[in-house]
Every structure is written in C-alpha cells, then in structure tokens.
Amino acid sequence: MKELITYIAQSIVDDPEAVAVTEVVMGDRRIYRLSVAPGDMGKVIGKQGRIAWAIRTLLRVAAIKEDAHAVLEIV
C-alpha cells in the first residue's frame, strides 16, 4: 500500500523526488504519512479536499483486500 500512495502522489506533484511515505503500524491499524514539497501540497489535497479523499478511498479499498485498516495523513 505504501507503493500505491507513492505512485499516486508522484504522478500528481511537480517534484516527485520530494514525495515521502512513512508507515506506522499500531496493532491491526496502519497509518501512512505522506509528505510532499510545500508547493505541491495543494495538488495533493485538491479543491475542497477531493483528491485527498480519492486517495484515501483507494487506500481503504487496498486495505480491505489485505484485511487491514489503513489511514492516510498528509503532513
């Protein structure tokens, strides 16, 4: 799932080398923290948060396939 988030974020931003995803595991819950360049933050979040919401939806679907619970934080 980390690769999925990285791939999506790198496809959206202007500076794909600044994309970093860290994973924190807390029991059966996985928290993914996505960080991008400050100038690309708006592109990852999107208008009214629609792109961030879409990425979170894809992450939830991928997590269900692996029988886990995943959360995305954009920092």
C-alpha atoms as a PDB file:
ATOM      1  CA  MET A   1       0.000   0.000   0.000  1.00  0.00           C
ATOM      2  CA  LYS A   2       2.948   2.280   0.606  1.00  0.00           C
ATOM      3  CA  GLU A   3       3.928   1.858  -3.040  1.00  0.00           C
ATOM      4  CA  LEU A   4       0.388   2.721  -4.149  1.00  0.00           C
ATOM      5  CA  ILE A   5       0.396   6.007  -2.239  1.00  0.00           C
ATOM      6  CA  THR A   6       3.873   6.858  -3.500  1.00  0.00           C
ATOM      7  CA  TYR A   7       2.912   6.137  -7.115  1.00  0.00           C
ATOM      8  CA  ILE A   8      -0.262   8.240  -6.962  1.00  0.00           C
ATOM      9  CA  ALA A   9       1.454  11.171  -5.229  1.00  0.00           C
ATOM     10  CA  GLN A  10       4.424  11.173  -7.603  1.00  0.00           C
ATOM     11  CA  SER A  11       2.030  11.216 -10.559  1.00  0.00           C
ATOM     12  CA  ILE A  12       0.281  14.332  -9.266  1.00  0.00           C
ATOM     13  CA  VAL A  13       3.073  16.595  -7.988  1.00  0.00           C
ATOM     14  CA  ASP A  14       5.649  18.723  -9.823  1.00  0.00           C
ATOM     15  CA  ASP A  15       8.548  17.492  -7.657  1.00  0.00           C
ATOM     16  CA  PRO A  16       8.189  13.685  -7.434  1.00  0.00           C
ATOM     17  CA  GLU A  17      11.548  13.296  -5.672  1.00  0.00           C
ATOM     18  CA  ALA A  18      10.202  15.182  -2.632  1.00  0.00           C
ATOM     19  CA  VAL A  19       7.435  12.620  -2.057  1.00  0.00           C
ATOM     20  CA  ALA A  20       7.969  10.539   1.077  1.00  0.00           C
ATOM     21  CA  VAL A  21       5.629   7.995   2.642  1.00  0.00           C
ATOM     22  CA  THR A  22       6.212   6.554   6.099  1.00  0.00           C
ATOM     23  CA  GLU A  23       4.253   3.705   7.635  1.00  0.00           C
ATOM     24  CA  VAL A  24       3.371   3.367  11.313  1.00  0.00           C
ATOM     25  CA  VAL A  25       1.810   0.082  12.456  1.00  0.00           C
ATOM     26  CA  MET A  26      -0.379   0.119  15.551  1.00  0.00           C
ATOM     27  CA  GLY A  27      -1.886  -3.330  16.037  1.00  0.00           C
ATOM     28  CA  ASP A  28      -4.137  -4.047  13.041  1.00  0.00           C
ATOM     29  CA  ARG A  29      -4.148  -0.374  12.033  1.00  0.00           C
ATOM     30  CA  ARG A  30      -1.673   1.148   9.598  1.00  0.00           C
ATOM     31  CA  ILE A  31      -1.079   4.885   9.422  1.00  0.00           C
ATOM     32  CA  TYR A  32       0.582   6.230   6.289  1.00  0.00           C
ATOM     33  CA  ARG A  33       2.086   9.715   6.465  1.00  0.00           C
ATOM     34  CA  LEU A  34       2.514  11.410   3.103  1.00  0.00           C
ATOM     35  CA  SER A  35       4.817  14.404   2.844  1.00  0.00           C
ATOM     36  CA  VAL A  36       5.413  16.437  -0.311  1.00  0.00           C
ATOM     37  CA  ALA A  37       7.127  19.691  -1.209  1.00  0.00           C
ATOM     38  CA  PRO A  38       5.315  22.748   0.202  1.00  0.00           C
ATOM     39  CA  GLY A  39       4.450  23.965  -3.293  1.00  0.00           C
ATOM     40  CA  ASP A  40       2.787  20.653  -4.137  1.00  0.00           C
ATOM     41  CA  MET A  41       0.601  20.433  -1.038  1.00  0.00           C
ATOM     42  CA  GLY A  42      -2.392  21.969  -2.820  1.00  0.00           C
ATOM     43  CA  LYS A  43      -2.116  19.498  -5.682  1.00  0.00           C
ATOM     44  CA  VAL A  44      -2.230  16.520  -3.329  1.00  0.00           C
ATOM     45  CA  ILE A  45      -5.157  17.902  -1.344  1.00  0.00           C
ATOM     46  CA  GLY A  46      -7.110  19.239  -4.336  1.00  0.00           C
ATOM     47  CA  LYS A  47     -10.081  21.556  -4.442  1.00  0.00           C
ATOM     48  CA  GLN A  48     -12.206  21.038  -1.334  1.00  0.00           C
ATOM     49  CA  GLY A  49     -10.034  18.008  -0.484  1.00  0.00           C
ATOM     50  CA  ARG A  50     -11.335  15.887  -3.340  1.00  0.00           C
ATOM     51  CA  ILE A  51      -8.001  14.417  -4.429  1.00  0.00           C
ATOM     52  CA  ALA A  52      -7.027  13.581  -0.841  1.00  0.00           C
ATOM     53  CA  TRP A  53     -10.443  11.980  -0.357  1.00  0.00           C
ATOM     54  CA  ALA A  54      -9.990   9.907  -3.538  1.00  0.00           C
ATOM     55  CA  ILE A  55      -6.525   8.723  -2.443  1.00  0.00           C
ATOM     56  CA  ARG A  56      -7.938   7.745   0.957  1.00  0.00           C
ATOM     57  CA  THR A  57     -10.739   5.811  -0.752  1.00  0.00           C
ATOM     58  CA  LEU A  58      -8.264   3.844  -2.867  1.00  0.00           C
ATOM     59  CA  LEU A  59      -6.178   3.179   0.231  1.00  0.00           C
ATOM     60  CA  ARG A  60      -9.216   1.839   2.100  1.00  0.00           C
ATOM     61  CA  VAL A  61     -10.063  -0.499  -0.771  1.00  0.00           C
ATOM     62  CA  ALA A  62      -6.481  -1.803  -0.892  1.00  0.00           C
ATOM     63  CA  ALA A  63      -6.516  -2.276   2.885  1.00  0.00           C
ATOM     64  CA  ILE A  64      -9.760  -4.248   2.775  1.00  0.00           C
ATOM     65  CA  LYS A  65      -8.167  -6.639   0.293  1.00  0.00           C
ATOM     66  CA  GLU A  66      -5.381  -7.248   2.823  1.00  0.00           C
ATOM     67  CA  ASP A  67      -7.855  -7.466   5.733  1.00  0.00           C
ATOM     68  CA  ALA A  68      -6.394  -4.405   7.481  1.00  0.00           C
ATOM     69  CA  HIS A  69      -7.378  -0.868   8.422  1.00  0.00           C
ATOM     70  CA  ALA A  70      -5.389   1.971   6.855  1.00  0.00           C
ATOM     71  CA  VAL A  71      -5.382   5.735   7.392  1.00  0.00           C
ATOM     72  CA  LEU A  72      -3.671   8.424   5.311  1.00  0.00           C
ATOM     73  CA  GLU A  73      -2.273  11.566   6.901  1.00  0.00           C
ATOM     74  CA  ILE A  74      -0.954  14.346   4.714  1.00  0.00           C
ATOM     75  CA  VAL A  75       1.753  16.273   6.551  1.00  0.00           C
END
